């Protein structure tokens, strides 16, 4: 196995472990995958408009509305007035949701902090730069595959049958 294959394999193992962790945390919190992804997006951003959250998750406006209502009813998100746009609201995690997520993810976060602290300053800069480029590539490819899936969903389901009804 080449060095680049070894790195790619490690990144794949990390992605698979993150998916398993997300699924387990979702079960623990009583959330489906999209709901947990929404909480992760809000945690990363701090606050998002419902439309920005829906765009991140590639949901329709109806799907976003349903998701936000479920998260509000379950006590995971609240709405607050948008400071610059009176017609819009911002979503943010509730303190309960932050506490629940912390219980699920804090052990991993602590271990990652410890591992990063063990690196020299130079190594930390190299790893940070590499992982930033990996994240950019993953986001670009996720967007491309999502667009392809959207295009496929909009494609005609079959060929017309001329004269069948005429």
C-alpha atoms as a PDB file:
ATOM      1  CA  UNK A   1       0.000   0.000   0.000  1.00  0.00           C
ATOM      2  CA  UNK A   2       1.426   3.410  -0.967  1.00  0.00           C
ATOM      3  CA  UNK A   3       1.745   6.277   1.506  1.00  0.00           C
ATOM      4  CA  UNK A   4      -1.117   8.155  -0.176  1.00  0.00           C
ATOM      5  CA  UNK A   5      -3.314   5.041  -0.017  1.00  0.00           C
ATOM      6  CA  UNK A   6      -2.493   4.712   3.687  1.00  0.00           C
ATOM      7  CA  UNK A   7      -3.549   8.309   4.307  1.00  0.00           C
ATOM      8  CA  UNK A   8      -6.733   7.832   2.283  1.00  0.00           C
ATOM      9  CA  UNK A   9      -7.515   4.636   4.214  1.00  0.00           C
ATOM     10  CA  UNK A  10      -7.061   6.445   7.536  1.00  0.00           C
ATOM     11  CA  UNK A  11      -9.379   9.225   6.403  1.00  0.00           C
ATOM     12  CA  UNK A  12     -11.962   6.643   5.316  1.00  0.00           C
ATOM     13  CA  UNK A  13     -11.720   4.899   8.687  1.00  0.00           C
ATOM     14  CA  UNK A  14     -12.224   8.279  10.381  1.00  0.00           C
ATOM     15  CA  UNK A  15     -15.278   9.015   8.189  1.00  0.00           C
ATOM     16  CA  UNK A  16     -16.816   5.617   8.933  1.00  0.00           C
ATOM     17  CA  UNK A  17     -16.207   6.016  12.664  1.00  0.00           C
ATOM     18  CA  UNK A  18     -17.774   9.498  12.545  1.00  0.00           C
ATOM     19  CA  UNK A  19     -20.848   8.054  10.805  1.00  0.00           C
ATOM     20  CA  UNK A  20     -21.144   5.333  13.472  1.00  0.00           C
ATOM     21  CA  UNK A  21     -20.726   7.925  16.231  1.00  0.00           C
ATOM     22  CA  UNK A  22     -23.375  10.158  14.636  1.00  0.00           C
ATOM     23  CA  UNK A  23     -25.801   7.218  14.346  1.00  0.00           C
ATOM     24  CA  UNK A  24     -25.223   6.192  17.972  1.00  0.00           C
ATOM     25  CA  UNK A  25     -25.533   9.773  19.220  1.00  0.00           C
ATOM     26  CA  UNK A  26     -28.730  10.144  17.210  1.00  0.00           C
ATOM     27  CA  UNK A  27     -30.170   7.030  18.874  1.00  0.00           C
ATOM     28  CA  UNK A  28     -29.072   8.311  22.270  1.00  0.00           C
ATOM     29  CA  UNK A  29     -30.718  11.707  21.653  1.00  0.00           C
ATOM     30  CA  UNK A  30     -33.787  10.292  19.875  1.00  0.00           C
ATOM     31  CA  UNK A  31     -32.900  12.003  16.576  1.00  0.00           C
ATOM     32  CA  UNK A  32     -32.741  10.770  13.011  1.00  0.00           C
ATOM     33  CA  UNK A  33     -29.659  11.413  10.874  1.00  0.00           C
ATOM     34  CA  UNK A  34     -30.931  14.655   9.293  1.00  0.00           C
ATOM     35  CA  UNK A  35     -31.937  16.006  12.691  1.00  0.00           C
ATOM     36  CA  UNK A  36     -28.505  15.263  14.128  1.00  0.00           C
ATOM     37  CA  UNK A  37     -26.794  16.742  11.065  1.00  0.00           C
ATOM     38  CA  UNK A  38     -28.897  19.872  11.582  1.00  0.00           C
ATOM     39  CA  UNK A  39     -27.687  20.117  15.176  1.00  0.00           C
ATOM     40  CA  UNK A  40     -24.090  19.664  14.038  1.00  0.00           C
ATOM     41  CA  UNK A  41     -24.504  22.424  11.415  1.00  0.00           C
ATOM     42  CA  UNK A  42     -25.998  24.744  14.044  1.00  0.00           C
ATOM     43  CA  UNK A  43     -23.231  23.887  16.486  1.00  0.00           C
ATOM     44  CA  UNK A  44     -20.608  24.751  13.879  1.00  0.00           C
ATOM     45  CA  UNK A  45     -22.303  27.981  12.750  1.00  0.00           C
ATOM     46  CA  UNK A  46     -23.760  29.154  16.067  1.00  0.00           C
ATOM     47  CA  UNK A  47     -26.960  30.423  14.444  1.00  0.00           C
ATOM     48  CA  UNK A  48     -28.510  29.905  11.017  1.00  0.00           C
ATOM     49  CA  UNK A  49     -31.663  30.977   9.249  1.00  0.00           C
ATOM     50  CA  UNK A  50     -33.982  28.070   8.472  1.00  0.00           C
ATOM     51  CA  UNK A  51     -33.298  28.521   4.749  1.00  0.00           C
ATOM     52  CA  UNK A  52     -29.512  28.430   5.294  1.00  0.00           C
ATOM     53  CA  UNK A  53     -29.886  25.269   7.368  1.00  0.00           C
ATOM     54  CA  UNK A  54     -32.086  23.706   4.693  1.00  0.00           C
ATOM     55  CA  UNK A  55     -29.545  24.611   2.020  1.00  0.00           C
ATOM     56  CA  UNK A  56     -26.755  22.957   4.031  1.00  0.00           C
ATOM     57  CA  UNK A  57     -28.831  19.782   4.306  1.00  0.00           C
ATOM     58  CA  UNK A  58     -30.200  20.075   0.740  1.00  0.00           C
ATOM     59  CA  UNK A  59     -33.801  20.025   1.926  1.00  0.00           C
ATOM     60  CA  UNK A  60     -36.824  21.583   0.271  1.00  0.00           C
ATOM     61  CA  UNK A  61     -38.504  24.469   2.083  1.00  0.00           C
ATOM     62  CA  UNK A  62     -41.240  22.069   3.223  1.00  0.00           C
ATOM     63  CA  UNK A  63     -38.677  19.557   4.434  1.00  0.00           C
ATOM     64  CA  UNK A  64     -36.813  22.286   6.281  1.00  0.00           C
ATOM     65  CA  UNK A  65     -40.015  23.519   7.928  1.00  0.00           C
ATOM     66  CA  UNK A  66     -40.889  20.001   9.084  1.00  0.00           C
ATOM     67  CA  UNK A  67     -37.339  19.438  10.382  1.00  0.00           C
ATOM     68  CA  UNK A  68     -37.294  22.721  12.298  1.00  0.00           C
ATOM     69  CA  UNK A  69     -40.711  22.001  13.841  1.00  0.00           C
ATOM     70  CA  UNK A  70     -39.546  18.555  15.001  1.00  0.00           C
ATOM     71  CA  UNK A  71     -36.376  20.027  16.517  1.00  0.00           C
ATOM     72  CA  UNK A  72     -38.366  22.788  18.246  1.00  0.00           C
ATOM     73  CA  UNK A  73     -40.952  20.331  19.631  1.00  0.00           C
ATOM     74  CA  UNK A  74     -38.200  18.063  20.947  1.00  0.00           C
ATOM     75  CA  UNK A  75     -36.507  21.011  22.678  1.00  0.00           C
ATOM     76  CA  UNK A  76     -33.322  21.015  20.587  1.00  0.00           C
ATOM     77  CA  UNK A  77     -33.598  24.388  18.829  1.00  0.00           C
ATOM     78  CA  UNK A  78     -35.155  27.762  19.462  1.00  0.00           C
ATOM     79  CA  UNK A  79     -35.907  30.652  17.165  1.00  0.00           C
ATOM     80  CA  UNK A  80     -34.800  34.202  17.779  1.00  0.00           C
ATOM     81  CA  UNK A  81     -35.336  37.408  15.869  1.00  0.00           C
ATOM     82  CA  UNK A  82     -32.818  38.091  13.137  1.00  0.00           C
ATOM     83  CA  UNK A  83     -30.865  41.230  14.135  1.00  0.00           C
ATOM     84  CA  UNK A  84     -30.779  42.664  10.586  1.00  0.00           C
ATOM     85  CA  UNK A  85     -33.811  41.174   8.837  1.00  0.00           C
ATOM     86  CA  UNK A  86     -37.128  41.607  10.590  1.00  0.00           C
ATOM     87  CA  UNK A  87     -38.770  39.079   8.260  1.00  0.00           C
ATOM     88  CA  UNK A  88     -36.402  36.260   9.204  1.00  0.00           C
ATOM     89  CA  UNK A  89     -35.536  34.246  12.278  1.00  0.00           C
ATOM     90  CA  UNK A  90     -32.366  32.541  13.407  1.00  0.00           C
ATOM     91  CA  UNK A  91     -32.153  29.034  14.790  1.00  0.00           C
ATOM     92  CA  UNK A  92     -29.845  28.160  17.640  1.00  0.00           C
ATOM     93  CA  UNK A  93     -29.290  25.141  19.829  1.00  0.00           C
ATOM     94  CA  UNK A  94     -30.952  25.107  23.227  1.00  0.00           C
ATOM     95  CA  UNK A  95     -28.751  24.725  26.287  1.00  0.00           C
ATOM     96  CA  UNK A  96     -30.273  21.266  26.807  1.00  0.00           C
ATOM     97  CA  UNK A  97     -29.261  20.251  23.293  1.00  0.00           C
ATOM     98  CA  UNK A  98     -25.741  21.596  23.840  1.00  0.00           C
ATOM     99  CA  UNK A  99     -25.484  19.585  27.072  1.00  0.00           C
ATOM    100  CA  UNK A 100     -26.765  16.402  25.404  1.00  0.00           C
ATOM    101  CA  UNK A 101     -24.371  16.812  22.461  1.00  0.00           C
ATOM    102  CA  UNK A 102     -21.497  17.534  24.833  1.00  0.00           C
ATOM    103  CA  UNK A 103     -22.192  14.295  26.683  1.00  0.00           C
ATOM    104  CA  UNK A 104     -22.093  12.389  23.389  1.00  0.00           C
ATOM    105  CA  UNK A 105     -19.119  14.086  21.735  1.00  0.00           C
ATOM    106  CA  UNK A 106     -16.934  15.517  24.543  1.00  0.00           C
ATOM    107  CA  UNK A 107     -14.807  12.391  25.077  1.00  0.00           C
ATOM    108  CA  UNK A 108     -13.792  12.368  21.408  1.00  0.00           C
ATOM    109  CA  UNK A 109     -13.203  16.123  21.364  1.00  0.00           C
ATOM    110  CA  UNK A 110     -10.964  15.833  24.443  1.00  0.00           C
ATOM    111  CA  UNK A 111      -8.955  13.040  22.861  1.00  0.00           C
ATOM    112  CA  UNK A 112      -8.543  14.971  19.602  1.00  0.00           C
ATOM    113  CA  UNK A 113      -7.369  18.026  21.572  1.00  0.00           C
ATOM    114  CA  UNK A 114      -4.825  15.867  23.403  1.00  0.00           C
ATOM    115  CA  UNK A 115      -3.562  14.303  20.171  1.00  0.00           C
ATOM    116  CA  UNK A 116      -3.221  17.711  18.483  1.00  0.00           C
ATOM    117  CA  UNK A 117      -1.376  19.094  21.499  1.00  0.00           C
ATOM    118  CA  UNK A 118       1.187  16.283  21.205  1.00  0.00           C
ATOM    119  CA  UNK A 119       2.229  17.563  17.753  1.00  0.00           C
ATOM    120  CA  UNK A 120       5.015  20.088  17.342  1.00  0.00           C
ATOM    121  CA  UNK A 121       3.942  23.543  16.174  1.00  0.00           C
ATOM    122  CA  UNK A 122       5.279  22.812  12.687  1.00  0.00           C
ATOM    123  CA  UNK A 123       3.553  19.433  12.458  1.00  0.00           C
ATOM    124  CA  UNK A 124       0.314  20.948  13.756  1.00  0.00           C
ATOM    125  CA  UNK A 125       0.449  23.589  10.995  1.00  0.00           C
ATOM    126  CA  UNK A 126       1.025  20.917   8.321  1.00  0.00           C
ATOM    127  CA  UNK A 127      -1.780  18.690   9.636  1.00  0.00           C
ATOM    128  CA  UNK A 128      -4.142  21.673   9.946  1.00  0.00           C
ATOM    129  CA  UNK A 129      -3.435  22.784   6.379  1.00  0.00           C
ATOM    130  CA  UNK A 130      -3.858  19.273   5.020  1.00  0.00           C
ATOM    131  CA  UNK A 131      -7.112  18.613   6.890  1.00  0.00           C
ATOM    132  CA  UNK A 132      -8.483  21.991   5.789  1.00  0.00           C
ATOM    133  CA  UNK A 133      -7.842  21.047   2.152  1.00  0.00           C
ATOM    134  CA  UNK A 134      -9.362  17.594   2.761  1.00  0.00           C
ATOM    135  CA  UNK A 135     -12.498  19.233   4.218  1.00  0.00           C
ATOM    136  CA  UNK A 136     -12.720  21.608   1.220  1.00  0.00           C
ATOM    137  CA  UNK A 137     -12.430  18.672  -1.199  1.00  0.00           C
ATOM    138  CA  UNK A 138     -15.027  16.632   0.702  1.00  0.00           C
ATOM    139  CA  UNK A 139     -17.460  19.579   0.725  1.00  0.00           C
ATOM    140  CA  UNK A 140     -17.003  20.153  -3.022  1.00  0.00           C
ATOM    141  CA  UNK A 141     -17.587  16.487  -3.807  1.00  0.00           C
ATOM    142  CA  UNK A 142     -20.582  16.250  -1.461  1.00  0.00           C
ATOM    143  CA  UNK A 143     -22.114  19.245  -3.256  1.00  0.00           C
ATOM    144  CA  UNK A 144     -21.381  17.713  -6.682  1.00  0.00           C
ATOM    145  CA  UNK A 145     -22.945  14.368  -5.779  1.00  0.00           C
ATOM    146  CA  UNK A 146     -25.957  16.128  -4.234  1.00  0.00           C
ATOM    147  CA  UNK A 147     -26.429  18.137  -7.454  1.00  0.00           C
ATOM    148  CA  UNK A 148     -26.185  14.946  -9.518  1.00  0.00           C
ATOM    149  CA  UNK A 149     -28.766  13.273  -7.278  1.00  0.00           C
ATOM    150  CA  UNK A 150     -31.049  16.321  -7.634  1.00  0.00           C
ATOM    151  CA  UNK A 151     -30.642  16.201 -11.424  1.00  0.00           C
ATOM    152  CA  UNK A 152     -31.427  12.490 -11.477  1.00  0.00           C
ATOM    153  CA  UNK A 153     -34.546  13.042  -9.353  1.00  0.00           C
ATOM    154  CA  UNK A 154     -35.753  15.681 -11.852  1.00  0.00           C
ATOM    155  CA  UNK A 155     -35.070  13.508 -14.917  1.00  0.00           C
ATOM    156  CA  UNK A 156     -38.050  12.141 -16.815  1.00  0.00           C
ATOM    157  CA  UNK A 157     -39.090   8.722 -15.573  1.00  0.00           C
ATOM    158  CA  UNK A 158     -39.757   7.306 -19.013  1.00  0.00           C
ATOM    159  CA  UNK A 159     -40.269   8.038 -22.687  1.00  0.00           C
ATOM    160  CA  UNK A 160     -43.603   9.428 -23.813  1.00  0.00           C
ATOM    161  CA  UNK A 161     -45.904   7.090 -25.728  1.00  0.00           C
ATOM    162  CA  UNK A 162     -47.046   9.116 -28.744  1.00  0.00           C
ATOM    163  CA  UNK A 163     -50.685   8.694 -29.683  1.00  0.00           C
ATOM    164  CA  UNK A 164     -51.635   6.632 -26.646  1.00  0.00           C
ATOM    165  CA  UNK A 165     -54.213   9.197 -25.527  1.00  0.00           C
ATOM    166  CA  UNK A 166     -54.628  11.136 -28.733  1.00  0.00           C
END
